[in-house]
N, C-alpha and C. Protein backbone atom coordinates (compact mmCIF):
# COMPACT_ATOMS: atom_id res chain seq x y z
N MET A 1 0.80 -1.18 -0.03
CA MET A 1 0.04 -0.02 0.03
C MET A 1 0.86 1.27 -0.01
N TYR A 2 1.86 1.27 0.90
CA TYR A 2 2.76 2.34 0.95
C TYR A 2 3.64 2.45 -0.37
N ALA A 3 3.97 1.27 -0.87
CA ALA A 3 4.83 1.28 -2.12
C ALA A 3 4.09 1.84 -3.28
N LYS A 4 2.78 1.54 -3.37
CA LYS A 4 1.94 2.16 -4.47
C LYS A 4 1.86 3.66 -4.29
N ARG A 5 1.75 4.15 -3.12
CA ARG A 5 1.66 5.54 -2.88
C ARG A 5 2.98 6.21 -3.30
N TRP A 6 4.09 5.58 -2.91
CA TRP A 6 5.37 6.12 -3.24
C TRP A 6 5.62 6.13 -4.81
N LEU A 7 5.19 5.11 -5.36
CA LEU A 7 5.35 5.01 -6.80
C LEU A 7 4.58 6.11 -7.54
N VAL A 8 3.35 6.33 -7.04
CA VAL A 8 2.56 7.36 -7.63
C VAL A 8 3.20 8.76 -7.37
N ALA A 9 3.72 8.90 -6.09
CA ALA A 9 4.32 10.17 -5.75
C ALA A 9 5.58 10.48 -6.65
N ILE A 10 6.38 9.44 -6.93
CA ILE A 10 7.60 9.53 -7.68
C ILE A 10 7.22 9.97 -9.12
N VAL A 11 6.25 9.17 -9.64
CA VAL A 11 5.88 9.42 -11.12
C VAL A 11 5.30 10.87 -11.21
N SER A 12 4.52 11.26 -10.22
CA SER A 12 3.92 12.60 -10.24
C SER A 12 5.02 13.63 -10.15
N ALA A 13 6.01 13.44 -9.16
CA ALA A 13 7.02 14.37 -9.04
C ALA A 13 7.93 14.57 -10.33
N VAL A 14 8.26 13.35 -10.95
CA VAL A 14 9.03 13.42 -12.21
C VAL A 14 8.24 14.07 -13.27
N TRP A 15 6.98 13.87 -13.38
CA TRP A 15 6.17 14.53 -14.36
C TRP A 15 6.05 16.01 -14.18
N LEU A 16 5.83 16.36 -12.87
CA LEU A 16 5.70 17.80 -12.57
C LEU A 16 7.00 18.57 -12.81
N VAL A 17 8.12 17.92 -12.44
CA VAL A 17 9.42 18.56 -12.60
C VAL A 17 9.92 18.51 -14.12
N GLY A 18 9.68 17.34 -14.66
CA GLY A 18 10.24 17.19 -16.04
C GLY A 18 9.39 17.74 -17.13
N ALA A 19 8.12 17.77 -17.02
CA ALA A 19 7.24 18.19 -18.04
C ALA A 19 7.45 19.61 -18.48
N PRO A 20 7.55 20.63 -17.61
CA PRO A 20 7.82 21.95 -18.07
C PRO A 20 9.18 22.05 -18.75
N GLY A 21 10.18 21.39 -18.21
CA GLY A 21 11.50 21.43 -18.85
C GLY A 21 11.42 20.81 -20.29
N LEU A 22 10.70 19.74 -20.41
CA LEU A 22 10.63 19.08 -21.78
C LEU A 22 9.90 20.09 -22.75
N VAL A 23 8.90 20.68 -22.26
CA VAL A 23 8.18 21.63 -23.13
C VAL A 23 9.11 22.74 -23.52
N TRP A 24 9.82 23.28 -22.57
CA TRP A 24 10.62 24.42 -22.78
C TRP A 24 11.75 24.07 -23.66
N ALA A 25 12.40 22.87 -23.49
CA ALA A 25 13.52 22.41 -24.38
C ALA A 25 13.03 22.12 -25.77
N ALA A 26 11.86 21.65 -25.90
CA ALA A 26 11.32 21.31 -27.22
C ALA A 26 11.08 22.58 -28.05
N GLU A 27 10.89 23.67 -27.43
CA GLU A 27 10.60 24.93 -28.08
C GLU A 27 11.90 25.54 -28.60
N GLY A 28 12.99 24.96 -28.16
CA GLY A 28 14.28 25.46 -28.61
C GLY A 28 14.87 26.44 -27.66
N GLY A 29 14.37 26.50 -26.52
CA GLY A 29 14.89 27.39 -25.50
C GLY A 29 16.25 26.99 -25.01
N GLY A 30 16.57 25.74 -25.08
CA GLY A 30 17.86 25.28 -24.55
C GLY A 30 18.01 25.50 -23.14
N GLY A 31 16.95 25.11 -22.44
CA GLY A 31 16.90 25.37 -20.98
C GLY A 31 17.87 24.50 -20.15
N LEU A 32 17.48 24.37 -18.97
CA LEU A 32 18.30 23.60 -18.07
C LEU A 32 18.25 22.11 -18.29
N ILE A 33 17.21 21.65 -18.85
CA ILE A 33 17.09 20.23 -19.01
C ILE A 33 17.18 19.94 -20.53
N ASN A 34 18.21 19.18 -20.90
CA ASN A 34 18.28 18.72 -22.23
C ASN A 34 17.77 17.28 -22.43
N ILE A 35 17.00 17.06 -23.50
CA ILE A 35 16.44 15.76 -23.64
C ILE A 35 17.51 14.91 -24.35
N ASP A 36 18.21 14.15 -23.59
CA ASP A 36 19.20 13.19 -24.01
C ASP A 36 19.34 12.15 -22.92
N LYS A 37 20.43 11.43 -22.91
CA LYS A 37 20.54 10.40 -21.94
C LYS A 37 20.90 10.91 -20.57
N SER A 38 21.31 12.14 -20.48
CA SER A 38 21.52 12.70 -19.07
C SER A 38 20.19 12.88 -18.35
N LEU A 39 19.16 13.19 -19.08
CA LEU A 39 17.84 13.25 -18.46
C LEU A 39 17.38 11.89 -17.87
N LEU A 40 17.63 10.86 -18.56
CA LEU A 40 17.36 9.52 -18.09
C LEU A 40 18.19 9.21 -16.87
N ILE A 41 19.47 9.57 -16.85
CA ILE A 41 20.33 9.31 -15.73
C ILE A 41 19.89 10.17 -14.57
N GLN A 42 19.53 11.42 -14.80
CA GLN A 42 19.04 12.23 -13.66
C GLN A 42 17.76 11.68 -13.11
N ALA A 43 16.86 11.20 -13.98
CA ALA A 43 15.62 10.64 -13.51
C ALA A 43 15.89 9.38 -12.74
N LEU A 44 16.82 8.50 -13.26
CA LEU A 44 17.19 7.32 -12.52
C LEU A 44 17.84 7.64 -11.21
N ASN A 45 18.71 8.62 -11.16
CA ASN A 45 19.35 9.08 -9.88
C ASN A 45 18.30 9.60 -8.99
N PHE A 46 17.23 10.26 -9.43
CA PHE A 46 16.22 10.81 -8.59
C PHE A 46 15.32 9.65 -7.98
N VAL A 47 15.07 8.63 -8.85
CA VAL A 47 14.39 7.45 -8.34
C VAL A 47 15.16 6.72 -7.33
N ILE A 48 16.47 6.56 -7.55
CA ILE A 48 17.31 5.86 -6.58
C ILE A 48 17.35 6.69 -5.27
N LEU A 49 17.51 7.99 -5.40
CA LEU A 49 17.49 8.83 -4.20
C LEU A 49 16.25 8.69 -3.42
N LEU A 50 15.10 8.64 -4.13
CA LEU A 50 13.83 8.50 -3.48
C LEU A 50 13.73 7.15 -2.80
N PHE A 51 14.27 6.07 -3.48
CA PHE A 51 14.27 4.71 -2.87
C PHE A 51 15.14 4.68 -1.65
N VAL A 52 16.32 5.30 -1.75
CA VAL A 52 17.23 5.30 -0.61
C VAL A 52 16.58 6.09 0.54
N LEU A 53 16.10 7.25 0.21
CA LEU A 53 15.43 8.03 1.28
C LEU A 53 14.27 7.31 1.84
N HIS A 54 13.48 6.61 0.98
CA HIS A 54 12.33 5.87 1.50
C HIS A 54 12.85 4.74 2.51
N ARG A 55 13.90 4.04 2.08
CA ARG A 55 14.34 2.98 2.97
C ARG A 55 15.08 3.50 4.15
N LEU A 56 15.86 4.50 4.05
CA LEU A 56 16.73 4.95 5.22
C LEU A 56 15.95 5.96 6.15
N LEU A 57 15.09 6.85 5.54
CA LEU A 57 14.48 7.82 6.35
C LEU A 57 12.97 7.58 6.59
N TYR A 58 12.27 7.28 5.48
CA TYR A 58 10.83 7.36 5.56
C TYR A 58 10.36 6.08 6.42
N LYS A 59 10.88 4.86 6.11
CA LYS A 59 10.38 3.69 6.85
C LYS A 59 10.76 3.82 8.33
N PRO A 60 12.01 4.26 8.68
CA PRO A 60 12.28 4.41 10.16
C PRO A 60 11.41 5.51 10.75
N LEU A 61 11.14 6.58 9.96
CA LEU A 61 10.29 7.60 10.52
C LEU A 61 8.88 7.08 10.73
N LEU A 62 8.38 6.28 9.77
CA LEU A 62 7.06 5.68 9.96
C LEU A 62 7.03 4.74 11.16
N ALA A 63 8.14 3.92 11.26
CA ALA A 63 8.20 3.02 12.39
C ALA A 63 8.24 3.77 13.66
N LYS A 64 9.00 4.84 13.73
CA LYS A 64 9.01 5.68 14.99
C LYS A 64 7.68 6.28 15.30
N MET A 65 7.01 6.80 14.24
CA MET A 65 5.76 7.39 14.41
C MET A 65 4.72 6.35 14.87
N GLU A 66 4.86 5.12 14.30
CA GLU A 66 3.89 4.03 14.73
C GLU A 66 4.22 3.64 16.17
N GLU A 67 5.49 3.58 16.49
CA GLU A 67 5.88 3.26 17.85
C GLU A 67 5.36 4.32 18.84
N ARG A 68 5.51 5.57 18.42
CA ARG A 68 5.03 6.73 19.25
C ARG A 68 3.50 6.63 19.38
N THR A 69 2.76 6.30 18.28
CA THR A 69 1.34 6.21 18.35
C THR A 69 0.93 5.07 19.28
N GLN A 70 1.62 3.95 19.19
CA GLN A 70 1.33 2.87 20.15
C GLN A 70 1.62 3.21 21.54
N ALA A 71 2.72 3.97 21.83
CA ALA A 71 3.04 4.38 23.16
C ALA A 71 1.94 5.37 23.70
N ILE A 72 1.51 6.24 22.79
CA ILE A 72 0.41 7.23 23.21
C ILE A 72 -0.83 6.47 23.47
N ARG A 73 -1.19 5.52 22.57
CA ARG A 73 -2.39 4.71 22.76
C ARG A 73 -2.31 3.95 24.05
N LYS A 74 -1.11 3.37 24.31
CA LYS A 74 -0.98 2.61 25.54
C LYS A 74 -1.04 3.50 26.77
N SER A 75 -0.47 4.73 26.70
CA SER A 75 -0.63 5.66 27.80
C SER A 75 -2.09 6.02 28.02
N LEU A 76 -2.82 6.28 26.93
CA LEU A 76 -4.21 6.63 27.08
C LEU A 76 -5.01 5.48 27.69
N GLU A 77 -4.76 4.27 27.25
CA GLU A 77 -5.43 3.13 27.88
C GLU A 77 -5.08 2.98 29.33
N GLU A 78 -3.81 3.17 29.67
CA GLU A 78 -3.39 3.08 31.07
C GLU A 78 -4.11 4.24 31.89
N ALA A 79 -4.18 5.41 31.25
CA ALA A 79 -4.80 6.56 31.97
C ALA A 79 -6.29 6.23 32.20
N GLN A 80 -6.90 5.70 31.16
CA GLN A 80 -8.35 5.34 31.31
C GLN A 80 -8.50 4.24 32.35
N ALA A 81 -7.62 3.26 32.37
CA ALA A 81 -7.67 2.23 33.39
C ALA A 81 -7.49 2.81 34.77
N ALA A 82 -6.49 3.74 34.88
CA ALA A 82 -6.24 4.39 36.15
C ALA A 82 -7.43 5.23 36.57
N ARG A 83 -8.03 5.94 35.62
CA ARG A 83 -9.21 6.70 35.91
C ARG A 83 -10.42 5.82 36.35
N ALA A 84 -10.55 4.69 35.66
CA ALA A 84 -11.60 3.71 36.10
C ALA A 84 -11.34 3.19 37.48
N GLU A 85 -10.05 2.84 37.76
CA GLU A 85 -9.66 2.33 39.05
C GLU A 85 -9.87 3.41 40.13
N ALA A 86 -9.57 4.62 39.80
CA ALA A 86 -9.78 5.75 40.79
C ALA A 86 -11.27 5.92 41.05
N GLN A 87 -12.08 5.82 39.96
CA GLN A 87 -13.52 5.90 40.13
C GLN A 87 -14.04 4.78 41.01
N ARG A 88 -13.56 3.58 40.72
CA ARG A 88 -13.96 2.39 41.52
C ARG A 88 -13.60 2.56 42.95
N GLU A 89 -12.33 3.04 43.20
CA GLU A 89 -11.88 3.25 44.59
C GLU A 89 -12.72 4.32 45.26
N ARG A 90 -13.07 5.40 44.46
CA ARG A 90 -13.86 6.52 45.08
C ARG A 90 -15.21 5.94 45.45
N GLU A 91 -15.79 5.15 44.56
CA GLU A 91 -17.08 4.57 44.90
C GLU A 91 -17.03 3.61 46.06
N GLU A 92 -15.90 2.88 46.10
CA GLU A 92 -15.67 1.91 47.21
C GLU A 92 -15.55 2.68 48.60
N HIS A 93 -14.77 3.79 48.48
CA HIS A 93 -14.58 4.59 49.74
C HIS A 93 -15.91 5.28 50.08
N ALA A 94 -16.65 5.68 49.11
CA ALA A 94 -17.96 6.36 49.40
C ALA A 94 -18.88 5.26 50.00
N GLY A 95 -18.82 4.02 49.43
CA GLY A 95 -19.67 2.99 50.08
C GLY A 95 -19.21 2.71 51.51
N LYS A 96 -17.90 2.63 51.74
CA LYS A 96 -17.41 2.40 53.08
C LYS A 96 -17.81 3.46 54.06
N LEU A 97 -17.68 4.79 53.49
CA LEU A 97 -18.07 5.90 54.32
C LEU A 97 -19.56 5.86 54.71
N GLN A 98 -20.35 5.51 53.73
CA GLN A 98 -21.79 5.41 53.98
C GLN A 98 -22.08 4.26 54.89
N ALA A 99 -21.39 3.17 54.76
CA ALA A 99 -21.56 2.01 55.69
C ALA A 99 -21.18 2.46 57.13
N ALA A 100 -20.08 3.14 57.18
CA ALA A 100 -19.60 3.60 58.57
C ALA A 100 -20.59 4.62 59.14
N TYR A 101 -21.13 5.51 58.31
CA TYR A 101 -22.13 6.42 58.81
C TYR A 101 -23.37 5.69 59.25
N ALA A 102 -23.78 4.67 58.47
CA ALA A 102 -25.00 3.94 58.88
C ALA A 102 -24.67 3.19 60.16
N GLU A 103 -23.51 2.60 60.31
CA GLU A 103 -23.16 1.89 61.52
C GLU A 103 -23.12 2.83 62.68
N ALA A 104 -22.56 4.04 62.48
CA ALA A 104 -22.58 5.06 63.60
C ALA A 104 -24.00 5.43 64.02
N GLN A 105 -24.86 5.58 62.96
CA GLN A 105 -26.22 5.93 63.24
C GLN A 105 -26.92 4.76 64.12
N ALA A 106 -26.61 3.50 63.64
CA ALA A 106 -27.13 2.38 64.37
C ALA A 106 -26.62 2.28 65.81
N ILE A 107 -25.31 2.57 65.97
CA ILE A 107 -24.77 2.57 67.32
C ILE A 107 -25.40 3.69 68.15
N ARG A 108 -25.61 4.79 67.53
CA ARG A 108 -26.20 5.92 68.25
C ARG A 108 -27.62 5.58 68.67
N ALA A 109 -28.38 5.00 67.72
CA ALA A 109 -29.75 4.63 67.98
C ALA A 109 -29.75 3.59 69.05
N ALA A 110 -28.89 2.61 69.05
CA ALA A 110 -28.83 1.57 70.08
C ALA A 110 -28.45 2.21 71.46
N ALA A 111 -27.52 3.15 71.43
CA ALA A 111 -27.14 3.78 72.67
C ALA A 111 -28.33 4.57 73.25
N LEU A 112 -29.04 5.31 72.34
CA LEU A 112 -30.25 6.05 72.82
C LEU A 112 -31.31 5.12 73.43
N LYS A 113 -31.46 4.01 72.69
CA LYS A 113 -32.49 2.98 73.06
C LYS A 113 -32.09 2.46 74.48
N ASP A 114 -30.79 2.08 74.62
CA ASP A 114 -30.28 1.55 75.90
C ASP A 114 -30.48 2.61 77.00
N ALA A 115 -30.15 3.88 76.68
CA ALA A 115 -30.22 4.95 77.73
C ALA A 115 -31.72 5.10 78.10
N ALA A 116 -32.63 5.04 77.11
CA ALA A 116 -34.06 5.19 77.39
C ALA A 116 -34.53 4.02 78.26
N GLU A 117 -34.02 2.86 77.91
CA GLU A 117 -34.46 1.65 78.70
C GLU A 117 -33.87 1.75 80.15
N GLU A 118 -32.66 2.19 80.25
CA GLU A 118 -32.02 2.33 81.57
C GLU A 118 -32.79 3.36 82.39
N GLN A 119 -33.17 4.53 81.73
CA GLN A 119 -33.92 5.48 82.41
C GLN A 119 -35.29 4.98 82.84
N ARG A 120 -35.94 4.19 81.99
CA ARG A 120 -37.25 3.63 82.34
C ARG A 120 -37.06 2.63 83.50
N ARG A 121 -36.00 1.87 83.49
CA ARG A 121 -35.83 0.90 84.55
C ARG A 121 -35.48 1.62 85.82
N LEU A 122 -34.69 2.70 85.77
CA LEU A 122 -34.39 3.44 86.97
C LEU A 122 -35.62 4.13 87.60
N VAL A 123 -36.51 4.65 86.68
CA VAL A 123 -37.74 5.26 87.18
C VAL A 123 -38.66 4.29 87.81
N GLU A 124 -38.73 3.12 87.16
CA GLU A 124 -39.54 2.04 87.72
C GLU A 124 -39.06 1.62 89.09
N ALA A 125 -37.68 1.43 89.16
CA ALA A 125 -37.09 1.08 90.46
C ALA A 125 -37.25 2.12 91.58
N ALA A 126 -37.23 3.45 91.12
CA ALA A 126 -37.46 4.46 92.10
C ALA A 126 -38.93 4.48 92.54
N ARG A 127 -39.82 4.30 91.57
CA ARG A 127 -41.23 4.19 91.95
C ARG A 127 -41.48 3.03 92.88
N ALA A 128 -40.87 1.85 92.58
CA ALA A 128 -41.05 0.68 93.36
C ALA A 128 -40.54 0.97 94.83
N GLU A 129 -39.36 1.62 94.84
CA GLU A 129 -38.72 1.97 96.20
C GLU A 129 -39.60 2.93 96.90
N ALA A 130 -40.15 3.89 96.19
CA ALA A 130 -41.02 4.87 96.86
C ALA A 130 -42.30 4.15 97.36
N GLY A 131 -42.88 3.26 96.55
CA GLY A 131 -44.10 2.53 97.03
C GLY A 131 -43.76 1.69 98.23
N ARG A 132 -42.55 1.05 98.12
CA ARG A 132 -42.19 0.23 99.30
C ARG A 132 -41.99 1.06 100.51
N LEU A 133 -41.31 2.27 100.42
CA LEU A 133 -41.18 3.15 101.56
C LEU A 133 -42.52 3.66 102.11
N VAL A 134 -43.44 4.00 101.16
CA VAL A 134 -44.80 4.47 101.64
C VAL A 134 -45.49 3.37 102.38
N GLU A 135 -45.44 2.17 101.79
CA GLU A 135 -46.10 0.98 102.42
C GLU A 135 -45.44 0.70 103.81
N SER A 136 -44.12 0.81 103.86
CA SER A 136 -43.44 0.65 105.17
C SER A 136 -43.89 1.69 106.19
N ALA A 137 -43.96 2.93 105.66
CA ALA A 137 -44.43 4.04 106.54
C ALA A 137 -45.86 3.79 107.02
N ARG A 138 -46.66 3.30 106.15
CA ARG A 138 -48.07 3.00 106.55
C ARG A 138 -48.16 1.94 107.58
N ASN A 139 -47.34 0.88 107.31
CA ASN A 139 -47.30 -0.22 108.28
C ASN A 139 -46.84 0.23 109.64
N GLU A 140 -45.75 1.08 109.60
CA GLU A 140 -45.21 1.62 110.91
C GLU A 140 -46.30 2.43 111.55
N MET A 141 -46.97 3.25 110.77
CA MET A 141 -48.03 4.13 111.36
C MET A 141 -49.13 3.26 111.92
N ALA A 142 -49.54 2.25 111.20
CA ALA A 142 -50.60 1.39 111.74
C ALA A 142 -50.14 0.70 112.99
N GLN A 143 -48.90 0.24 113.05
CA GLN A 143 -48.38 -0.33 114.27
C GLN A 143 -48.35 0.62 115.44
N GLU A 144 -47.97 1.94 115.06
CA GLU A 144 -47.93 2.96 116.14
C GLU A 144 -49.34 3.23 116.61
N VAL A 145 -50.31 3.24 115.67
CA VAL A 145 -51.68 3.52 116.09
C VAL A 145 -52.15 2.31 117.00
N THR A 146 -51.88 1.15 116.61
CA THR A 146 -52.26 -0.04 117.35
C THR A 146 -51.60 -0.04 118.76
N ARG A 147 -50.34 0.34 118.79
CA ARG A 147 -49.64 0.50 120.13
C ARG A 147 -50.28 1.58 120.95
N ALA A 148 -50.58 2.67 120.23
CA ALA A 148 -51.19 3.82 121.02
C ALA A 148 -52.53 3.42 121.62
N ARG A 149 -53.35 2.67 120.76
CA ARG A 149 -54.67 2.22 121.25
C ARG A 149 -54.51 1.28 122.44
N GLN A 150 -53.50 0.40 122.27
CA GLN A 150 -53.27 -0.55 123.32
C GLN A 150 -52.89 0.16 124.64
N ALA A 151 -52.05 1.15 124.43
CA ALA A 151 -51.52 1.92 125.58
C ALA A 151 -52.69 2.73 126.17
N LEU A 152 -53.53 3.26 125.32
CA LEU A 152 -54.70 4.02 125.81
C LEU A 152 -55.70 3.13 126.49
N ARG A 153 -55.89 1.95 125.91
CA ARG A 153 -56.76 0.93 126.62
C ARG A 153 -56.23 0.61 128.00
N GLN A 154 -54.89 0.41 127.99
CA GLN A 154 -54.22 0.02 129.27
C GLN A 154 -54.41 1.09 130.29
N GLU A 155 -54.31 2.31 129.74
CA GLU A 155 -54.43 3.49 130.68
C GLU A 155 -55.95 3.60 131.18
N VAL A 156 -56.88 3.35 130.18
CA VAL A 156 -58.31 3.45 130.60
C VAL A 156 -58.61 2.32 131.58
N VAL A 157 -58.04 1.13 131.31
CA VAL A 157 -58.28 0.06 132.29
C VAL A 157 -57.71 0.44 133.62
N ASP A 158 -56.48 1.02 133.56
CA ASP A 158 -55.87 1.40 134.88
C ASP A 158 -56.74 2.45 135.57
N LEU A 159 -57.25 3.42 134.73
CA LEU A 159 -58.10 4.42 135.33
C LEU A 159 -59.41 3.86 135.93
N ALA A 160 -59.93 2.84 135.12
CA ALA A 160 -61.15 2.17 135.55
C ALA A 160 -60.92 1.45 136.84
N ILE A 161 -59.75 0.79 136.91
CA ILE A 161 -59.44 0.03 138.12
C ILE A 161 -59.28 1.00 139.28
N THR A 162 -58.57 2.09 138.96
CA THR A 162 -58.41 3.06 140.05
C THR A 162 -59.77 3.65 140.52
N ALA A 163 -60.62 3.97 139.51
CA ALA A 163 -61.92 4.49 139.87
C ALA A 163 -62.72 3.44 140.62
N ALA A 164 -62.67 2.23 140.21
CA ALA A 164 -63.33 1.14 140.87
C ALA A 164 -62.82 0.94 142.26
N GLU A 165 -61.54 1.09 142.50
CA GLU A 165 -60.96 0.96 143.80
C GLU A 165 -61.52 2.05 144.74
N ARG A 166 -61.61 3.23 144.17
CA ARG A 166 -62.10 4.38 144.96
C ARG A 166 -63.55 4.18 145.33
N LEU A 167 -64.31 3.68 144.31
CA LEU A 167 -65.73 3.48 144.59
C LEU A 167 -65.93 2.32 145.60
N ILE A 168 -65.17 1.36 145.37
CA ILE A 168 -65.33 0.24 146.33
C ILE A 168 -64.99 0.68 147.75
N ARG A 169 -64.04 1.57 147.86
CA ARG A 169 -63.68 2.07 149.14
C ARG A 169 -64.86 2.83 149.74
N LYS A 170 -65.58 3.56 148.86
CA LYS A 170 -66.70 4.28 149.37
C LYS A 170 -67.89 3.37 149.55
N SER A 171 -67.80 2.20 149.18
CA SER A 171 -68.86 1.16 149.26
C SER A 171 -70.09 1.66 148.54
N LEU A 172 -69.93 1.62 147.37
CA LEU A 172 -71.05 1.94 146.47
C LEU A 172 -71.95 0.73 146.27
N ARG A 173 -73.04 1.02 145.76
CA ARG A 173 -73.96 -0.01 145.41
C ARG A 173 -73.59 -0.63 144.14
N ASP A 174 -74.28 -1.77 143.72
CA ASP A 174 -74.02 -2.48 142.51
C ASP A 174 -74.39 -1.61 141.34
N GLU A 175 -75.42 -0.92 141.38
CA GLU A 175 -75.82 0.02 140.35
C GLU A 175 -74.73 1.07 140.03
N ASP A 176 -74.27 1.56 141.02
CA ASP A 176 -73.25 2.56 140.93
C ASP A 176 -71.98 1.96 140.20
N HIS A 177 -71.70 0.75 140.63
CA HIS A 177 -70.50 0.07 140.01
C HIS A 177 -70.69 -0.12 138.51
N ARG A 178 -71.89 -0.60 138.20
CA ARG A 178 -72.12 -0.84 136.79
C ARG A 178 -72.10 0.43 136.00
N ARG A 179 -72.70 1.42 136.50
CA ARG A 179 -72.74 2.67 135.75
C ARG A 179 -71.32 3.20 135.56
N ILE A 180 -70.44 3.13 136.50
CA ILE A 180 -69.08 3.60 136.41
C ILE A 180 -68.31 2.79 135.38
N VAL A 181 -68.55 1.46 135.40
CA VAL A 181 -67.87 0.59 134.39
C VAL A 181 -68.34 0.91 133.02
N GLN A 182 -69.67 1.12 132.87
CA GLN A 182 -70.23 1.44 131.52
C GLN A 182 -69.68 2.76 131.05
N ASP A 183 -69.55 3.74 131.92
CA ASP A 183 -68.97 5.00 131.53
C ASP A 183 -67.55 4.89 131.06
N ALA A 184 -66.80 4.04 131.77
CA ALA A 184 -65.37 3.84 131.41
C ALA A 184 -65.29 3.15 130.05
N ILE A 185 -66.11 2.16 129.77
CA ILE A 185 -66.10 1.42 128.50
C ILE A 185 -66.52 2.38 127.39
N GLY A 186 -67.50 3.23 127.65
CA GLY A 186 -67.96 4.20 126.68
C GLY A 186 -66.84 5.18 126.32
N ARG A 187 -66.10 5.61 127.24
CA ARG A 187 -64.97 6.46 126.96
C ARG A 187 -63.86 5.78 126.16
N VAL A 188 -63.61 4.54 126.50
CA VAL A 188 -62.63 3.77 125.71
C VAL A 188 -63.12 3.60 124.23
N ASP A 189 -64.36 3.33 124.02
CA ASP A 189 -64.94 3.18 122.73
C ASP A 189 -64.85 4.53 121.92
N LYS A 190 -65.11 5.64 122.56
CA LYS A 190 -64.97 6.90 121.92
C LYS A 190 -63.54 7.21 121.46
N VAL A 191 -62.63 6.81 122.25
CA VAL A 191 -61.21 7.07 121.95
C VAL A 191 -60.76 6.23 120.70
N ASN A 192 -61.24 5.03 120.64
CA ASN A 192 -60.87 4.12 119.57
C ASN A 192 -61.55 4.60 118.30
């Protein structure tokens, strides 16, 4: 393919360079180019020069350009791969960050739930303790009231006995005794 292009380029160059000279020499101008065997030698030298230049300069130049193109293509592919890897890592880090954020939210929610449960438990314990203390105070009060009643009864009995002793000393009748005892019992009932 390249050889055909070169051949066309050489023929075109020879034609473009040689045609005006041929026309001018044919008119008798006696120009720079004489149509004789030196023109053939010059054309042959030109073709050989083009061949040598093609072999020594153009092919290595094409090879270098192709090598450079491949290196650039490889660099672009590596850059795209690196970009894709960076994007993947960015997405991976974003996923990890989001997972860490979700985990932190879950830990926070669990801590808040635990704190609320602990608060509820402490409030219940305090209420139970308060209820127990109130019940204990009521029981103590009831015991104190019972003791006070018993003490009061004992005192009333003692007063009744004392009154009975006095009455007996005065030798009262039976009716009087009963009335005194009834009065003492009535007083004890009123106190209770």
